[in-house]
Each structure stands twice: as structure tokens, then as C-alpha cells.
Amino acid sequence: MENDDPIKVRVGTFFVVMGMGIFLLFVVSDVADMVEFDYFFVSVVLLAIGYYFRRKKAPPPPANRFAWFRGAWGKFKGFGRPKGKGGGKGKQESEE
């Protein structure tokens, strides 16, 4: 499996994963009634560093998985209605 992400983005992913793991350790220490806030602060720092590096990742291209649905929905919405014949008064009629 080939990954074309730059090294900065990969390092950011590493820091995010490590930050989540250390946050999980903080939660477990809280459940065990032996709260270690050092885990929380380290996880916040790692998550911030990871976000700083990962924010440069390019957004994925659109998948167009539901293109057929959008096309069918557009045809269905206009079915049975004449074009330009909405209900109520238009702008020109209400100004008079």
C-alpha cells in the first residue's frame, strides 16, 4: 500500500495517535481513582502538535458515490410541475 503523504503529515498522524493513546491512559487513571493529570497535559500537547502538522494534508478528491442519486432526485423534484409556475404572488405583482 503506497502512501503519498509528505513526511510532515505522517509525523502529525503519529502525534495525534500518541496523543489519543495517552488521553486514554488519563481516562483509565481517572476510572481507577488515581488521577494523573500529567497524562492529560501531555496528550493535549501531542494532539496540538499533531494537528499543526496534519492540517497541511490535502483534502481527498470527491468520490461521487451518490452522483446517480443526485441526478435522479433532481429529475424527481421537477416532475409534474410546469416550469416557472409556482404558487403565490411573484415580486412584480406584490410591488403594484
PDB file of N, CA and C in Angstrom:
ATOM      1  N   MET A   1       0.840  -1.166   0.000  1.00  0.00           N
ATOM      2  CA  MET A   1       0.000   0.000   0.000  1.00  0.00           C
ATOM      3  C   MET A   1       0.892   1.238   0.000  1.00  0.00           C
ATOM      4  N   GLU A   2       0.686   2.073  -0.969  1.00  0.00           N
ATOM      5  CA  GLU A   2       1.527   3.243  -1.136  1.00  0.00           C
ATOM      6  C   GLU A   2       0.868   4.471  -0.539  1.00  0.00           C
ATOM      7  N   ASN A   3       1.642   5.260   0.187  1.00  0.00           N
ATOM      8  CA  ASN A   3       1.126   6.457   0.819  1.00  0.00           C
ATOM      9  C   ASN A   3       1.901   7.644   0.278  1.00  0.00           C
ATOM     10  N   ASP A   4       1.206   8.589  -0.360  1.00  0.00           N
ATOM     11  CA  ASP A   4       1.862   9.735  -0.972  1.00  0.00           C
ATOM     12  C   ASP A   4       1.897  10.959  -0.074  1.00  0.00           C
ATOM     13  N   ASP A   5       1.540  10.805   1.198  1.00  0.00           N
ATOM     14  CA  ASP A   5       1.559  11.942   2.110  1.00  0.00           C
ATOM     15  C   ASP A   5       2.992  12.353   2.405  1.00  0.00           C
ATOM     16  N   PRO A   6       3.241  13.651   2.536  1.00  0.00           N
ATOM     17  CA  PRO A   6       4.586  14.088   2.924  1.00  0.00           C
ATOM     18  C   PRO A   6       4.935  13.628   4.336  1.00  0.00           C
ATOM     19  N   ILE A   7       6.209  13.666   4.662  1.00  0.00           N
ATOM     20  CA  ILE A   7       6.672  13.178   5.958  1.00  0.00           C
ATOM     21  C   ILE A   7       6.081  13.987   7.105  1.00  0.00           C
ATOM     22  N   LYS A   8       5.829  15.288   6.899  1.00  0.00           N
ATOM     23  CA  LYS A   8       5.239  16.111   7.964  1.00  0.00           C
ATOM     24  C   LYS A   8       3.844  15.617   8.334  1.00  0.00           C
ATOM     25  N   VAL A   9       3.076  15.241   7.342  1.00  0.00           N
ATOM     26  CA  VAL A   9       1.713  14.759   7.607  1.00  0.00           C
ATOM     27  C   VAL A   9       1.767  13.428   8.342  1.00  0.00           C
ATOM     28  N   ARG A  10       2.713  12.581   7.983  1.00  0.00           N
ATOM     29  CA  ARG A  10       2.847  11.288   8.672  1.00  0.00           C
ATOM     30  C   ARG A  10       3.265  11.476  10.127  1.00  0.00           C
ATOM     31  N   VAL A  11       4.179  12.408  10.365  1.00  0.00           N
ATOM     32  CA  VAL A  11       4.599  12.697  11.730  1.00  0.00           C
ATOM     33  C   VAL A  11       3.413  13.267  12.524  1.00  0.00           C
ATOM     34  N   GLY A  12       2.612  14.106  11.886  1.00  0.00           N
ATOM     35  CA  GLY A  12       1.418  14.639  12.532  1.00  0.00           C
ATOM     36  C   GLY A  12       0.442  13.541  12.908  1.00  0.00           C
ATOM     37  N   THR A  13       0.271  12.572  12.018  1.00  0.00           N
ATOM     38  CA  THR A  13      -0.603  11.441  12.318  1.00  0.00           C
ATOM     39  C   THR A  13      -0.068  10.660  13.514  1.00  0.00           C
ATOM     40  N   PHE A  14       1.236  10.469  13.562  1.00  0.00           N
ATOM     41  CA  PHE A  14       1.845   9.771  14.686  1.00  0.00           C
ATOM     42  C   PHE A  14       1.555  10.499  16.000  1.00  0.00           C
ATOM     43  N   PHE A  15       1.729  11.813  16.012  1.00  0.00           N
ATOM     44  CA  PHE A  15       1.493  12.575  17.233  1.00  0.00           C
ATOM     45  C   PHE A  15       0.018  12.542  17.638  1.00  0.00           C
ATOM     46  N   VAL A  16      -0.881  12.579  16.682  1.00  0.00           N
ATOM     47  CA  VAL A  16      -2.312  12.508  17.002  1.00  0.00           C
ATOM     48  C   VAL A  16      -2.652  11.160  17.626  1.00  0.00           C
ATOM     49  N   VAL A  17      -2.123  10.083  17.047  1.00  0.00           N
ATOM     50  CA  VAL A  17      -2.405   8.740  17.587  1.00  0.00           C
ATOM     51  C   VAL A  17      -1.814   8.595  18.985  1.00  0.00           C
ATOM     52  N   MET A  18      -0.597   9.082  19.173  1.00  0.00           N
ATOM     53  CA  MET A  18       0.022   9.003  20.502  1.00  0.00           C
ATOM     54  C   MET A  18      -0.755   9.862  21.508  1.00  0.00           C
ATOM     55  N   GLY A  19      -1.209  11.023  21.089  1.00  0.00           N
ATOM     56  CA  GLY A  19      -1.998  11.872  21.972  1.00  0.00           C
ATOM     57  C   GLY A  19      -3.297  11.216  22.396  1.00  0.00           C
ATOM     58  N   MET A  20      -3.952  10.533  21.452  1.00  0.00           N
ATOM     59  CA  MET A  20      -5.191   9.832  21.804  1.00  0.00           C
ATOM     60  C   MET A  20      -4.915   8.676  22.761  1.00  0.00           C
ATOM     61  N   GLY A  21      -3.803   7.979  22.553  1.00  0.00           N
ATOM     62  CA  GLY A  21      -3.446   6.876  23.444  1.00  0.00           C
ATOM     63  C   GLY A  21      -3.155   7.364  24.857  1.00  0.00           C
ATOM     64  N   ILE A  22      -2.438   8.463  24.965  1.00  0.00           N
ATOM     65  CA  ILE A  22      -2.123   8.992  26.293  1.00  0.00           C
ATOM     66  C   ILE A  22      -3.381   9.566  26.956  1.00  0.00           C
ATOM     67  N   PHE A  23      -4.293  10.135  26.153  1.00  0.00           N
ATOM     68  CA  PHE A  23      -5.563  10.583  26.725  1.00  0.00           C
ATOM     69  C   PHE A  23      -6.349   9.390  27.264  1.00  0.00           C
ATOM     70  N   LEU A  24      -6.285   8.269  26.562  1.00  0.00           N
ATOM     71  CA  LEU A  24      -6.943   7.056  27.048  1.00  0.00           C
ATOM     72  C   LEU A  24      -6.339   6.609  28.385  1.00  0.00           C
ATOM     73  N   LEU A  25      -5.009   6.738  28.520  1.00  0.00           N
ATOM     74  CA  LEU A  25      -4.380   6.433  29.804  1.00  0.00           C
ATOM     75  C   LEU A  25      -4.895   7.363  30.906  1.00  0.00           C
ATOM     76  N   PHE A  26      -5.107   8.635  30.564  1.00  0.00           N
ATOM     77  CA  PHE A  26      -5.661   9.569  31.539  1.00  0.00           C
ATOM     78  C   PHE A  26      -7.055   9.134  31.974  1.00  0.00           C
ATOM     79  N   VAL A  27      -7.886   8.738  31.030  1.00  0.00           N
ATOM     80  CA  VAL A  27      -9.249   8.303  31.363  1.00  0.00           C
ATOM     81  C   VAL A  27      -9.206   7.057  32.248  1.00  0.00           C
ATOM     82  N   VAL A  28      -8.319   6.117  31.924  1.00  0.00           N
ATOM     83  CA  VAL A  28      -8.212   4.899  32.732  1.00  0.00           C
ATOM     84  C   VAL A  28      -7.720   5.238  34.140  1.00  0.00           C
ATOM     85  N   SER A  29      -6.786   6.182  34.245  1.00  0.00           N
ATOM     86  CA  SER A  29      -6.313   6.565  35.585  1.00  0.00           C
ATOM     87  C   SER A  29      -7.429   7.250  36.380  1.00  0.00           C
ATOM     88  N   ASP A  30      -8.308   7.960  35.697  1.00  0.00           N
ATOM     89  CA  ASP A  30      -9.436   8.589  36.386  1.00  0.00           C
ATOM     90  C   ASP A  30     -10.435   7.545  36.864  1.00  0.00           C
ATOM     91  N   VAL A  31     -10.680   6.546  36.051  1.00  0.00           N
ATOM     92  CA  VAL A  31     -11.604   5.474  36.440  1.00  0.00           C
ATOM     93  C   VAL A  31     -11.050   4.708  37.641  1.00  0.00           C
ATOM     94  N   ALA A  32      -9.728   4.565  37.706  1.00  0.00           N
ATOM     95  CA  ALA A  32      -9.096   3.823  38.803  1.00  0.00           C
ATOM     96  C   ALA A  32      -8.916   4.678  40.054  1.00  0.00           C
ATOM     97  N   ASP A  33      -9.459   5.895  40.052  1.00  0.00           N
ATOM     98  CA  ASP A  33      -9.357   6.819  41.184  1.00  0.00           C
ATOM     99  C   ASP A  33      -7.915   7.153  41.558  1.00  0.00           C
ATOM    100  N   MET A  34      -7.031   7.134  40.575  1.00  0.00           N
ATOM    101  CA  MET A  34      -5.640   7.553  40.750  1.00  0.00           C
ATOM    102  C   MET A  34      -5.319   8.538  39.623  1.00  0.00           C
ATOM    103  N   VAL A  35      -5.980   9.673  39.635  1.00  0.00           N
ATOM    104  CA  VAL A  35      -5.930  10.615  38.516  1.00  0.00           C
ATOM    105  C   VAL A  35      -4.516  11.158  38.340  1.00  0.00           C
ATOM    106  N   GLU A  36      -4.016  11.033  37.134  1.00  0.00           N
ATOM    107  CA  GLU A  36      -2.710  11.575  36.757  1.00  0.00           C
ATOM    108  C   GLU A  36      -2.947  12.642  35.695  1.00  0.00           C
ATOM    109  N   PHE A  37      -2.907  13.907  36.094  1.00  0.00           N
ATOM    110  CA  PHE A  37      -3.160  14.989  35.148  1.00  0.00           C
ATOM    111  C   PHE A  37      -2.003  15.202  34.186  1.00  0.00           C
ATOM    112  N   ASP A  38      -0.843  14.621  34.505  1.00  0.00           N
ATOM    113  CA  ASP A  38       0.278  14.698  33.566  1.00  0.00           C
ATOM    114  C   ASP A  38      -0.089  14.047  32.232  1.00  0.00           C
ATOM    115  N   TYR A  39      -0.817  12.933  32.287  1.00  0.00           N
ATOM    116  CA  TYR A  39      -1.260  12.278  31.053  1.00  0.00           C
ATOM    117  C   TYR A  39      -2.143  13.216  30.228  1.00  0.00           C
ATOM    118  N   PHE A  40      -3.014  13.927  30.910  1.00  0.00           N
ATOM    119  CA  PHE A  40      -3.915  14.837  30.196  1.00  0.00           C
ATOM    120  C   PHE A  40      -3.142  15.956  29.509  1.00  0.00           C
ATOM    121  N   PHE A  41      -2.215  16.576  30.226  1.00  0.00           N
ATOM    122  CA  PHE A  41      -1.475  17.699  29.654  1.00  0.00           C
ATOM    123  C   PHE A  41      -0.564  17.242  28.519  1.00  0.00           C
ATOM    124  N   VAL A  42       0.067  16.092  28.672  1.00  0.00           N
ATOM    125  CA  VAL A  42       0.924  15.566  27.600  1.00  0.00           C
ATOM    126  C   VAL A  42       0.075  15.233  26.378  1.00  0.00           C
ATOM    127  N   SER A  43      -1.119  14.676  26.594  1.00  0.00           N
ATOM    128  CA  SER A  43      -1.976  14.338  25.452  1.00  0.00           C
ATOM    129  C   SER A  43      -2.440  15.594  24.725  1.00  0.00           C
ATOM    130  N   VAL A  44      -2.746  16.655  25.459  1.00  0.00           N
ATOM    131  CA  VAL A  44      -3.156  17.905  24.816  1.00  0.00           C
ATOM    132  C   VAL A  44      -2.019  18.473  23.974  1.00  0.00           C
ATOM    133  N   VAL A  45      -0.807  18.431  24.507  1.00  0.00           N
ATOM    134  CA  VAL A  45       0.352  18.938  23.764  1.00  0.00           C
ATOM    135  C   VAL A  45       0.592  18.097  22.512  1.00  0.00           C
ATOM    136  N   LEU A  46       0.543  16.784  22.634  1.00  0.00           N
ATOM    137  CA  LEU A  46       0.763  15.919  21.469  1.00  0.00           C
ATOM    138  C   LEU A  46      -0.327  16.097  20.417  1.00  0.00           C
ATOM    139  N   LEU A  47      -1.576  16.229  20.864  1.00  0.00           N
ATOM    140  CA  LEU A  47      -2.660  16.448  19.904  1.00  0.00           C
ATOM    141  C   LEU A  47      -2.505  17.790  19.187  1.00  0.00           C
ATOM    142  N   ALA A  48      -2.055  18.808  19.898  1.00  0.00           N
ATOM    143  CA  ALA A  48      -1.856  20.113  19.269  1.00  0.00           C
ATOM    144  C   ALA A  48      -0.722  20.061  18.238  1.00  0.00           C
ATOM    145  N   ILE A  49       0.371  19.398  18.592  1.00  0.00           N
ATOM    146  CA  ILE A  49       1.486  19.265  17.639  1.00  0.00           C
ATOM    147  C   ILE A  49       1.036  18.446  16.432  1.00  0.00           C
ATOM    148  N   GLY A  50       0.317  17.365  16.684  1.00  0.00           N
ATOM    149  CA  GLY A  50      -0.171  16.532  15.577  1.00  0.00           C
ATOM    150  C   GLY A  50      -1.114  17.284  14.667  1.00  0.00           C
ATOM    151  N   TYR A  51      -2.000  18.087  15.247  1.00  0.00           N
ATOM    152  CA  TYR A  51      -2.919  18.886  14.428  1.00  0.00           C
ATOM    153  C   TYR A  51      -2.146  19.906  13.605  1.00  0.00           C
ATOM    154  N   TYR A  52      -1.122  20.510  14.200  1.00  0.00           N
ATOM    155  CA  TYR A  52      -0.325  21.509  13.491  1.00  0.00           C
ATOM    156  C   TYR A  52       0.312  20.906  12.241  1.00  0.00           C
ATOM    157  N   PHE A  53       0.806  19.680  12.337  1.00  0.00           N
ATOM    158  CA  PHE A  53       1.418  19.045  11.175  1.00  0.00           C
ATOM    159  C   PHE A  53       0.384  18.482  10.204  1.00  0.00           C
ATOM    160  N   ARG A  54      -0.725  17.957  10.720  1.00  0.00           N
ATOM    161  CA  ARG A  54      -1.723  17.313   9.847  1.00  0.00           C
ATOM    162  C   ARG A  54      -2.590  18.294   9.091  1.00  0.00           C
ATOM    163  N   ARG A  55      -2.661  19.519   9.521  1.00  0.00           N
ATOM    164  CA  ARG A  55      -3.562  20.468   8.856  1.00  0.00           C
ATOM    165  C   ARG A  55      -3.106  20.795   7.435  1.00  0.00           C
ATOM    166  N   LYS A  56      -1.892  20.440   7.079  1.00  0.00           N
ATOM    167  CA  LYS A  56      -1.387  20.690   5.735  1.00  0.00           C
ATOM    168  C   LYS A  56      -1.751  19.578   4.758  1.00  0.00           C
ATOM    169  N   LYS A  57      -2.425  18.557   5.237  1.00  0.00           N
ATOM    170  CA  LYS A  57      -2.822  17.450   4.371  1.00  0.00           C
ATOM    171  C   LYS A  57      -3.879  17.929   3.389  1.00  0.00           C
ATOM    172  N   ALA A  58      -3.707  17.560   2.136  1.00  0.00           N
ATOM    173  CA  ALA A  58      -4.657  17.949   1.102  1.00  0.00           C
ATOM    174  C   ALA A  58      -5.975  17.199   1.299  1.00  0.00           C
ATOM    175  N   PRO A  59      -7.104  17.853   1.020  1.00  0.00           N
ATOM    176  CA  PRO A  59      -8.391  17.152   1.160  1.00  0.00           C
ATOM    177  C   PRO A  59      -8.523  16.064   0.093  1.00  0.00           C
ATOM    178  N   PRO A  60      -9.228  15.001   0.412  1.00  0.00           N
ATOM    179  CA  PRO A  60      -9.375  13.916  -0.555  1.00  0.00           C
ATOM    180  C   PRO A  60     -10.245  14.360  -1.728  1.00  0.00           C
ATOM    181  N   PRO A  61     -10.035  13.774  -2.902  1.00  0.00           N
ATOM    182  CA  PRO A  61     -10.888  14.127  -4.039  1.00  0.00           C
ATOM    183  C   PRO A  61     -12.306  13.629  -3.809  1.00  0.00           C
ATOM    184  N   PRO A  62     -13.303  14.276  -4.429  1.00  0.00           N
ATOM    185  CA  PRO A  62     -14.687  13.820  -4.238  1.00  0.00           C
ATOM    186  C   PRO A  62     -14.873  12.417  -4.812  1.00  0.00           C
ATOM    187  N   ALA A  63     -15.636  11.608  -4.097  1.00  0.00           N
ATOM    188  CA  ALA A  63     -15.823  10.216  -4.504  1.00  0.00           C
ATOM    189  C   ALA A  63     -16.943  10.057  -5.525  1.00  0.00           C
ATOM    190  N   ASN A  64     -17.887  10.989  -5.558  1.00  0.00           N
ATOM    191  CA  ASN A  64     -19.043  10.929  -6.467  1.00  0.00           C
ATOM    192  C   ASN A  64     -19.789   9.606  -6.346  1.00  0.00           C
ATOM    193  N   ARG A  65     -19.922   9.113  -5.118  1.00  0.00           N
ATOM    194  CA  ARG A  65     -20.617   7.846  -4.913  1.00  0.00           C
ATOM    195  C   ARG A  65     -22.110   7.967  -5.174  1.00  0.00           C
ATOM    196  N   PHE A  66     -22.674   9.129  -4.888  1.00  0.00           N
ATOM    197  CA  PHE A  66     -24.113   9.276  -4.996  1.00  0.00           C
ATOM    198  C   PHE A  66     -24.502  10.186  -6.155  1.00  0.00           C
ATOM    199  N   ALA A  67     -23.683  10.255  -7.181  1.00  0.00           N
ATOM    200  CA  ALA A  67     -23.981  11.107  -8.325  1.00  0.00           C
ATOM    201  C   ALA A  67     -25.273  10.654  -9.017  1.00  0.00           C
ATOM    202  N   TRP A  68     -25.476   9.363  -9.117  1.00  0.00           N
ATOM    203  CA  TRP A  68     -26.698   8.863  -9.753  1.00  0.00           C
ATOM    204  C   TRP A  68     -27.925   9.267  -8.949  1.00  0.00           C
ATOM    205  N   PHE A  69     -27.800   9.286  -7.615  1.00  0.00           N
ATOM    206  CA  PHE A  69     -28.927   9.657  -6.764  1.00  0.00           C
ATOM    207  C   PHE A  69     -29.253  11.137  -6.917  1.00  0.00           C
ATOM    208  N   ARG A  70     -28.223  11.976  -6.984  1.00  0.00           N
ATOM    209  CA  ARG A  70     -28.461  13.408  -7.156  1.00  0.00           C
ATOM    210  C   ARG A  70     -29.148  13.681  -8.481  1.00  0.00           C
ATOM    211  N   GLY A  71     -28.726  12.987  -9.526  1.00  0.00           N
ATOM    212  CA  GLY A  71     -29.359  13.168 -10.830  1.00  0.00           C
ATOM    213  C   GLY A  71     -30.815  12.719 -10.822  1.00  0.00           C
ATOM    214  N   ALA A  72     -31.075  11.571 -10.198  1.00  0.00           N
ATOM    215  CA  ALA A  72     -32.444  11.064 -10.127  1.00  0.00           C
ATOM    216  C   ALA A  72     -33.300  11.959  -9.243  1.00  0.00           C
ATOM    217  N   TRP A  73     -32.743  12.490  -8.158  1.00  0.00           N
ATOM    218  CA  TRP A  73     -33.504  13.352  -7.257  1.00  0.00           C
ATOM    219  C   TRP A  73     -33.843  14.668  -7.955  1.00  0.00           C
ATOM    220  N   GLY A  74     -32.919  15.193  -8.741  1.00  0.00           N
ATOM    221  CA  GLY A  74     -33.191  16.431  -9.470  1.00  0.00           C
ATOM    222  C   GLY A  74     -34.313  16.247 -10.481  1.00  0.00           C
ATOM    223  N   LYS A  75     -34.348  15.100 -11.133  1.00  0.00           N
ATOM    224  CA  LYS A  75     -35.434  14.814 -12.084  1.00  0.00           C
ATOM    225  C   LYS A  75     -36.756  14.631 -11.345  1.00  0.00           C
ATOM    226  N   PHE A  76     -36.709  13.995 -10.173  1.00  0.00           N
ATOM    227  CA  PHE A  76     -37.919  13.726  -9.407  1.00  0.00           C
ATOM    228  C   PHE A  76     -38.512  15.013  -8.835  1.00  0.00           C
ATOM    229  N   LYS A  77     -37.662  15.943  -8.390  1.00  0.00           N
ATOM    230  CA  LYS A  77     -38.158  17.178  -7.791  1.00  0.00           C
ATOM    231  C   LYS A  77     -38.954  18.006  -8.785  1.00  0.00           C
ATOM    232  N   GLY A  78     -38.564  18.001 -10.039  1.00  0.00           N
ATOM    233  CA  GLY A  78     -39.256  18.802 -11.035  1.00  0.00           C
ATOM    234  C   GLY A  78     -40.391  18.070 -11.721  1.00  0.00           C
ATOM    235  N   PHE A  79     -40.660  16.835 -11.328  1.00  0.00           N
ATOM    236  CA  PHE A  79     -41.680  16.034 -12.001  1.00  0.00           C
ATOM    237  C   PHE A  79     -43.087  16.560 -11.701  1.00  0.00           C
ATOM    238  N   GLY A  80     -43.884  16.779 -12.739  1.00  0.00           N
ATOM    239  CA  GLY A  80     -45.283  17.140 -12.578  1.00  0.00           C
ATOM    240  C   GLY A  80     -45.537  18.615 -12.364  1.00  0.00           C
ATOM    241  N   ARG A  81     -44.520  19.445 -12.336  1.00  0.00           N
ATOM    242  CA  ARG A  81     -44.710  20.877 -12.139  1.00  0.00           C
ATOM    243  C   ARG A  81     -44.270  21.612 -13.386  1.00  0.00           C
ATOM    244  N   PRO A  82     -45.102  22.482 -13.917  1.00  0.00           N
ATOM    245  CA  PRO A  82     -44.648  23.269 -15.070  1.00  0.00           C
ATOM    246  C   PRO A  82     -43.560  24.251 -14.648  1.00  0.00           C
ATOM    247  N   LYS A  83     -42.649  24.501 -15.544  1.00  0.00           N
ATOM    248  CA  LYS A  83     -41.537  25.400 -15.231  1.00  0.00           C
ATOM    249  C   LYS A  83     -42.042  26.826 -15.057  1.00  0.00           C
ATOM    250  N   GLY A  84     -41.591  27.500 -14.007  1.00  0.00           N
ATOM    251  CA  GLY A  84     -41.926  28.892 -13.776  1.00  0.00           C
ATOM    252  C   GLY A  84     -43.319  29.130 -13.239  1.00  0.00           C
ATOM    253  N   LYS A  85     -44.035  28.114 -12.889  1.00  0.00           N
ATOM    254  CA  LYS A  85     -45.405  28.272 -12.390  1.00  0.00           C
ATOM    255  C   LYS A  85     -45.454  27.871 -10.922  1.00  0.00           C
ATOM    256  N   GLY A  86     -44.969  28.735 -10.061  1.00  0.00           N
ATOM    257  CA  GLY A  86     -45.044  28.472  -8.636  1.00  0.00           C
ATOM    258  C   GLY A  86     -46.346  29.012  -8.085  1.00  0.00           C
ATOM    259  N   GLY A  87     -46.640  28.726  -6.871  1.00  0.00           N
ATOM    260  CA  GLY A  87     -47.841  29.247  -6.250  1.00  0.00           C
ATOM    261  C   GLY A  87     -47.597  30.614  -5.652  1.00  0.00           C
ATOM    262  N   GLY A  88     -48.614  31.374  -5.407  1.00  0.00           N
ATOM    263  CA  GLY A  88     -48.484  32.671  -4.751  1.00  0.00           C
ATOM    264  C   GLY A  88     -48.145  33.783  -5.716  1.00  0.00           C
ATOM    265  N   LYS A  89     -47.966  34.965  -5.140  1.00  0.00           N
ATOM    266  CA  LYS A  89     -47.676  36.124  -5.962  1.00  0.00           C
ATOM    267  C   LYS A  89     -46.179  36.290  -6.151  1.00  0.00           C
ATOM    268  N   GLY A  90     -45.806  36.738  -7.311  1.00  0.00           N
ATOM    269  CA  GLY A  90     -44.400  36.996  -7.588  1.00  0.00           C
ATOM    270  C   GLY A  90     -44.010  38.379  -7.119  1.00  0.00           C
ATOM    271  N   LYS A  91     -42.753  38.743  -7.359  1.00  0.00           N
ATOM    272  CA  LYS A  91     -42.265  40.041  -6.922  1.00  0.00           C
ATOM    273  C   LYS A  91     -42.948  41.190  -7.692  1.00  0.00           C
ATOM    274  N   GLN A  92     -43.178  40.989  -9.000  1.00  0.00           N
ATOM    275  CA  GLN A  92     -43.777  42.059  -9.783  1.00  0.00           C
ATOM    276  C   GLN A  92     -45.210  42.346  -9.329  1.00  0.00           C
ATOM    277  N   GLU A  93     -45.957  41.335  -9.022  1.00  0.00           N
ATOM    278  CA  GLU A  93     -47.352  41.533  -8.624  1.00  0.00           C
ATOM    279  C   GLU A  93     -47.456  42.162  -7.241  1.00  0.00           C
ATOM    280  N   SER A  94     -46.551  41.840  -6.335  1.00  0.00           N
ATOM    281  CA  SER A  94     -46.662  42.361  -4.982  1.00  0.00           C
ATOM    282  C   SER A  94     -46.216  43.820  -4.897  1.00  0.00           C
ATOM    283  N   GLU A  95     -45.437  44.321  -5.862  1.00  0.00           N
ATOM    284  CA  GLU A  95     -44.982  45.716  -5.851  1.00  0.00           C
ATOM    285  C   GLU A  95     -46.084  46.667  -6.280  1.00  0.00           C
ATOM    286  N   GLU A  96     -47.054  46.194  -7.004  1.00  0.00           N
ATOM    287  CA  GLU A  96     -48.120  47.070  -7.547  1.00  0.00           C
ATOM    288  C   GLU A  96     -49.081  47.523  -6.501  1.00  0.00           C
TER     289      GLU A  96
END
